[in-house]
Amino acid sequence: MASTQSSGTTFQLRSGSLILGAALIGAAWVLGLIGLTICSSTVIAATRKWVKQMDTPPSELARLKWEQAKAATAAGTSAWQDGVTTGHRS
């Protein structure tokens, strides 16, 4: 029976380096998550402060703009259907 032998080169990992790298990646992920939380809470707090300082609340402003858009659409539709002349000479 013939036995087969490998050439002697094997793939080896240094487990200490691998564990250290994984630990560093995990620590960076946790620090990134903490940074994201701090930034998000700061932006949210600033936005709330800005909204409270507004004269007109955003919901009321949106309703007013919606009414303006509906009125402009109605006027444009009426002008288009009635064929209003613009005063330009051809």
N, C-alpha and C. Protein backbone atom coordinates (compact mmCIF):
# COMPACT_ATOMS: atom_id res chain seq x y z
N MET A 1 0.82 -1.16 0.00
CA MET A 1 0.00 0.00 0.00
C MET A 1 0.88 1.24 0.00
N ALA A 2 0.62 2.14 -0.89
CA ALA A 2 1.41 3.34 -0.99
C ALA A 2 0.74 4.44 -0.16
N SER A 3 1.54 5.15 0.58
CA SER A 3 0.99 6.25 1.37
C SER A 3 1.28 7.57 0.65
N THR A 4 0.32 8.48 0.73
CA THR A 4 0.52 9.79 0.11
C THR A 4 0.90 10.79 1.19
N GLN A 5 1.89 11.58 0.89
CA GLN A 5 2.35 12.58 1.84
C GLN A 5 2.22 13.95 1.18
N SER A 6 1.86 14.96 2.00
CA SER A 6 1.77 16.31 1.47
C SER A 6 3.16 16.91 1.38
N SER A 7 3.27 18.01 0.70
CA SER A 7 4.57 18.62 0.47
C SER A 7 5.13 19.30 1.72
N GLY A 8 4.38 19.34 2.79
CA GLY A 8 4.88 19.92 4.02
C GLY A 8 4.39 21.33 4.28
N THR A 9 3.78 21.98 3.32
CA THR A 9 3.26 23.33 3.54
C THR A 9 1.80 23.24 3.94
N THR A 10 1.50 23.82 5.07
CA THR A 10 0.12 23.83 5.55
C THR A 10 -0.29 25.26 5.84
N PHE A 11 -1.56 25.49 5.78
CA PHE A 11 -2.13 26.81 6.06
C PHE A 11 -2.29 26.95 7.56
N GLN A 12 -1.64 27.95 8.15
CA GLN A 12 -1.71 28.14 9.59
C GLN A 12 -2.12 29.56 9.91
N LEU A 13 -3.00 29.68 10.87
CA LEU A 13 -3.43 30.99 11.35
C LEU A 13 -2.91 31.18 12.76
N ARG A 14 -2.54 32.40 13.04
CA ARG A 14 -2.17 32.72 14.42
C ARG A 14 -3.45 33.14 15.12
N SER A 15 -3.92 32.29 16.01
CA SER A 15 -5.23 32.53 16.64
C SER A 15 -5.23 33.79 17.49
N GLY A 16 -4.12 34.14 18.09
CA GLY A 16 -4.06 35.35 18.91
C GLY A 16 -4.33 36.60 18.09
N SER A 17 -3.71 36.69 16.91
CA SER A 17 -3.93 37.84 16.03
C SER A 17 -5.36 37.89 15.52
N LEU A 18 -5.90 36.72 15.23
CA LEU A 18 -7.27 36.65 14.74
C LEU A 18 -8.25 37.11 15.82
N ILE A 19 -8.06 36.68 17.03
CA ILE A 19 -8.94 37.08 18.13
C ILE A 19 -8.80 38.57 18.42
N LEU A 20 -7.57 39.08 18.40
CA LEU A 20 -7.35 40.51 18.63
C LEU A 20 -8.02 41.35 17.55
N GLY A 21 -7.90 40.93 16.30
CA GLY A 21 -8.55 41.66 15.21
C GLY A 21 -10.06 41.66 15.35
N ALA A 22 -10.64 40.53 15.70
CA ALA A 22 -12.09 40.46 15.90
C ALA A 22 -12.53 41.34 17.07
N ALA A 23 -11.74 41.35 18.14
CA ALA A 23 -12.07 42.19 19.30
C ALA A 23 -12.01 43.67 18.94
N LEU A 24 -11.02 44.05 18.15
CA LEU A 24 -10.92 45.45 17.73
C LEU A 24 -12.08 45.85 16.82
N ILE A 25 -12.47 44.96 15.94
CA ILE A 25 -13.62 45.24 15.07
C ILE A 25 -14.89 45.39 15.92
N GLY A 26 -15.07 44.52 16.90
CA GLY A 26 -16.23 44.63 17.78
C GLY A 26 -16.23 45.92 18.57
N ALA A 27 -15.06 46.32 19.08
CA ALA A 27 -14.96 47.57 19.84
C ALA A 27 -15.25 48.77 18.95
N ALA A 28 -14.75 48.75 17.74
CA ALA A 28 -15.01 49.85 16.80
C ALA A 28 -16.49 49.93 16.47
N TRP A 29 -17.15 48.78 16.34
CA TRP A 29 -18.58 48.76 16.05
C TRP A 29 -19.36 49.38 17.20
N VAL A 30 -18.99 49.03 18.43
CA VAL A 30 -19.68 49.58 19.60
C VAL A 30 -19.45 51.08 19.69
N LEU A 31 -18.21 51.54 19.48
CA LEU A 31 -17.93 52.97 19.52
C LEU A 31 -18.68 53.72 18.41
N GLY A 32 -18.75 53.13 17.24
CA GLY A 32 -19.51 53.74 16.15
C GLY A 32 -20.98 53.86 16.48
N LEU A 33 -21.53 52.83 17.10
CA LEU A 33 -22.94 52.86 17.50
C LEU A 33 -23.19 53.93 18.54
N ILE A 34 -22.27 54.07 19.50
CA ILE A 34 -22.39 55.12 20.51
C ILE A 34 -22.32 56.50 19.84
N GLY A 35 -21.40 56.68 18.92
CA GLY A 35 -21.28 57.96 18.21
C GLY A 35 -22.53 58.28 17.41
N LEU A 36 -23.08 57.28 16.76
CA LEU A 36 -24.31 57.48 15.99
C LEU A 36 -25.46 57.88 16.90
N THR A 37 -25.55 57.26 18.07
CA THR A 37 -26.60 57.59 19.02
C THR A 37 -26.46 59.03 19.53
N ILE A 38 -25.25 59.44 19.84
CA ILE A 38 -25.02 60.80 20.32
C ILE A 38 -25.36 61.82 19.24
N CYS A 39 -24.92 61.58 18.02
CA CYS A 39 -25.21 62.51 16.92
C CYS A 39 -26.71 62.58 16.64
N SER A 40 -27.36 61.45 16.64
CA SER A 40 -28.80 61.41 16.36
C SER A 40 -29.58 62.17 17.42
N SER A 41 -29.24 61.96 18.68
CA SER A 41 -29.97 62.64 19.74
C SER A 41 -29.74 64.15 19.69
N THR A 42 -28.54 64.56 19.31
CA THR A 42 -28.25 66.00 19.18
C THR A 42 -29.07 66.62 18.06
N VAL A 43 -29.15 65.95 16.92
CA VAL A 43 -29.93 66.47 15.79
C VAL A 43 -31.42 66.50 16.13
N ILE A 44 -31.91 65.48 16.79
CA ILE A 44 -33.32 65.44 17.17
C ILE A 44 -33.65 66.56 18.15
N ALA A 45 -32.78 66.79 19.14
CA ALA A 45 -33.01 67.86 20.11
C ALA A 45 -33.00 69.23 19.44
N ALA A 46 -32.07 69.45 18.51
CA ALA A 46 -32.01 70.72 17.80
C ALA A 46 -33.25 70.93 16.93
N THR A 47 -33.72 69.86 16.30
CA THR A 47 -34.91 69.96 15.46
C THR A 47 -36.14 70.29 16.30
N ARG A 48 -36.27 69.64 17.45
CA ARG A 48 -37.41 69.93 18.34
C ARG A 48 -37.39 71.37 18.81
N LYS A 49 -36.21 71.87 19.16
CA LYS A 49 -36.07 73.26 19.60
C LYS A 49 -36.45 74.22 18.47
N TRP A 50 -36.00 73.90 17.27
CA TRP A 50 -36.29 74.75 16.11
C TRP A 50 -37.79 74.78 15.82
N VAL A 51 -38.47 73.63 15.91
CA VAL A 51 -39.90 73.57 15.64
C VAL A 51 -40.67 74.35 16.70
N LYS A 52 -40.24 74.27 17.96
CA LYS A 52 -40.93 75.01 19.04
C LYS A 52 -40.79 76.51 18.85
N GLN A 53 -39.70 76.96 18.23
CA GLN A 53 -39.47 78.40 18.03
C GLN A 53 -40.20 78.94 16.80
N MET A 54 -40.77 78.07 15.98
CA MET A 54 -41.46 78.53 14.77
C MET A 54 -42.76 79.24 15.14
N ASP A 55 -43.09 80.29 14.36
CA ASP A 55 -44.35 81.01 14.58
C ASP A 55 -45.54 80.14 14.20
N THR A 56 -45.41 79.44 13.09
CA THR A 56 -46.47 78.57 12.61
C THR A 56 -46.00 77.13 12.71
N PRO A 57 -46.78 76.26 13.33
CA PRO A 57 -46.37 74.85 13.42
C PRO A 57 -46.27 74.22 12.03
N PRO A 58 -45.39 73.24 11.87
CA PRO A 58 -45.22 72.61 10.56
C PRO A 58 -46.51 72.02 9.99
N SER A 59 -47.37 71.46 10.84
CA SER A 59 -48.63 70.89 10.33
C SER A 59 -49.53 71.98 9.76
N GLU A 60 -49.59 73.13 10.42
CA GLU A 60 -50.40 74.25 9.93
C GLU A 60 -49.79 74.83 8.65
N LEU A 61 -48.48 74.92 8.60
CA LEU A 61 -47.80 75.41 7.40
C LEU A 61 -48.04 74.49 6.21
N ALA A 62 -48.00 73.19 6.46
CA ALA A 62 -48.27 72.22 5.39
C ALA A 62 -49.71 72.35 4.90
N ARG A 63 -50.66 72.54 5.83
CA ARG A 63 -52.06 72.70 5.43
C ARG A 63 -52.24 73.96 4.58
N LEU A 64 -51.59 75.07 4.97
CA LEU A 64 -51.70 76.31 4.20
C LEU A 64 -51.11 76.15 2.80
N LYS A 65 -49.96 75.50 2.72
CA LYS A 65 -49.33 75.29 1.41
C LYS A 65 -50.18 74.37 0.54
N TRP A 66 -50.83 73.38 1.15
CA TRP A 66 -51.71 72.49 0.40
C TRP A 66 -52.91 73.27 -0.16
N GLU A 67 -53.47 74.16 0.65
CA GLU A 67 -54.58 74.99 0.18
C GLU A 67 -54.13 75.90 -0.97
N GLN A 68 -52.93 76.46 -0.86
CA GLN A 68 -52.40 77.31 -1.95
C GLN A 68 -52.22 76.49 -3.23
N ALA A 69 -51.72 75.29 -3.09
CA ALA A 69 -51.50 74.44 -4.27
C ALA A 69 -52.83 74.07 -4.91
N LYS A 70 -53.84 73.78 -4.09
CA LYS A 70 -55.16 73.44 -4.66
C LYS A 70 -55.75 74.65 -5.38
N ALA A 71 -55.61 75.84 -4.79
CA ALA A 71 -56.14 77.05 -5.44
C ALA A 71 -55.40 77.33 -6.75
N ALA A 72 -54.10 77.16 -6.77
CA ALA A 72 -53.32 77.39 -7.99
C ALA A 72 -53.70 76.37 -9.06
N THR A 73 -53.93 75.13 -8.65
CA THR A 73 -54.33 74.10 -9.61
C THR A 73 -55.70 74.42 -10.19
N ALA A 74 -56.61 74.84 -9.35
CA ALA A 74 -57.96 75.19 -9.83
C ALA A 74 -57.90 76.38 -10.79
N ALA A 75 -57.08 77.38 -10.46
CA ALA A 75 -56.96 78.54 -11.34
C ALA A 75 -56.34 78.15 -12.68
N GLY A 76 -55.32 77.31 -12.63
CA GLY A 76 -54.68 76.87 -13.87
C GLY A 76 -55.61 76.03 -14.72
N THR A 77 -56.38 75.17 -14.08
CA THR A 77 -57.34 74.34 -14.82
C THR A 77 -58.42 75.21 -15.46
N SER A 78 -58.91 76.18 -14.69
CA SER A 78 -59.94 77.08 -15.21
C SER A 78 -59.41 77.89 -16.40
N ALA A 79 -58.20 78.40 -16.28
CA ALA A 79 -57.62 79.18 -17.36
C ALA A 79 -57.40 78.32 -18.60
N TRP A 80 -57.00 77.09 -18.41
CA TRP A 80 -56.76 76.19 -19.53
C TRP A 80 -58.07 75.85 -20.23
N GLN A 81 -59.12 75.58 -19.44
CA GLN A 81 -60.40 75.19 -20.03
C GLN A 81 -61.11 76.38 -20.68
N ASP A 82 -60.93 77.57 -20.12
CA ASP A 82 -61.61 78.75 -20.66
C ASP A 82 -60.80 79.40 -21.79
N GLY A 83 -59.57 79.01 -21.95
CA GLY A 83 -58.74 79.55 -23.03
C GLY A 83 -58.43 81.03 -22.86
N VAL A 84 -57.96 81.41 -21.72
CA VAL A 84 -57.64 82.80 -21.43
C VAL A 84 -56.51 83.24 -22.34
N THR A 85 -56.65 84.43 -22.95
CA THR A 85 -55.59 84.97 -23.78
C THR A 85 -54.56 85.67 -22.90
N THR A 86 -53.32 85.60 -23.33
CA THR A 86 -52.23 86.15 -22.52
C THR A 86 -51.83 87.55 -22.93
N GLY A 87 -52.32 88.05 -24.04
CA GLY A 87 -51.95 89.38 -24.47
C GLY A 87 -50.72 89.41 -25.36
N HIS A 88 -50.14 88.28 -25.67
CA HIS A 88 -48.98 88.22 -26.57
C HIS A 88 -49.47 88.32 -28.01
N ARG A 89 -48.72 89.03 -28.82
CA ARG A 89 -49.07 89.13 -30.23
C ARG A 89 -48.38 88.05 -31.02
N SER A 90 -49.10 87.46 -31.92
CA SER A 90 -48.53 86.41 -32.75
C SER A 90 -47.99 86.97 -34.03
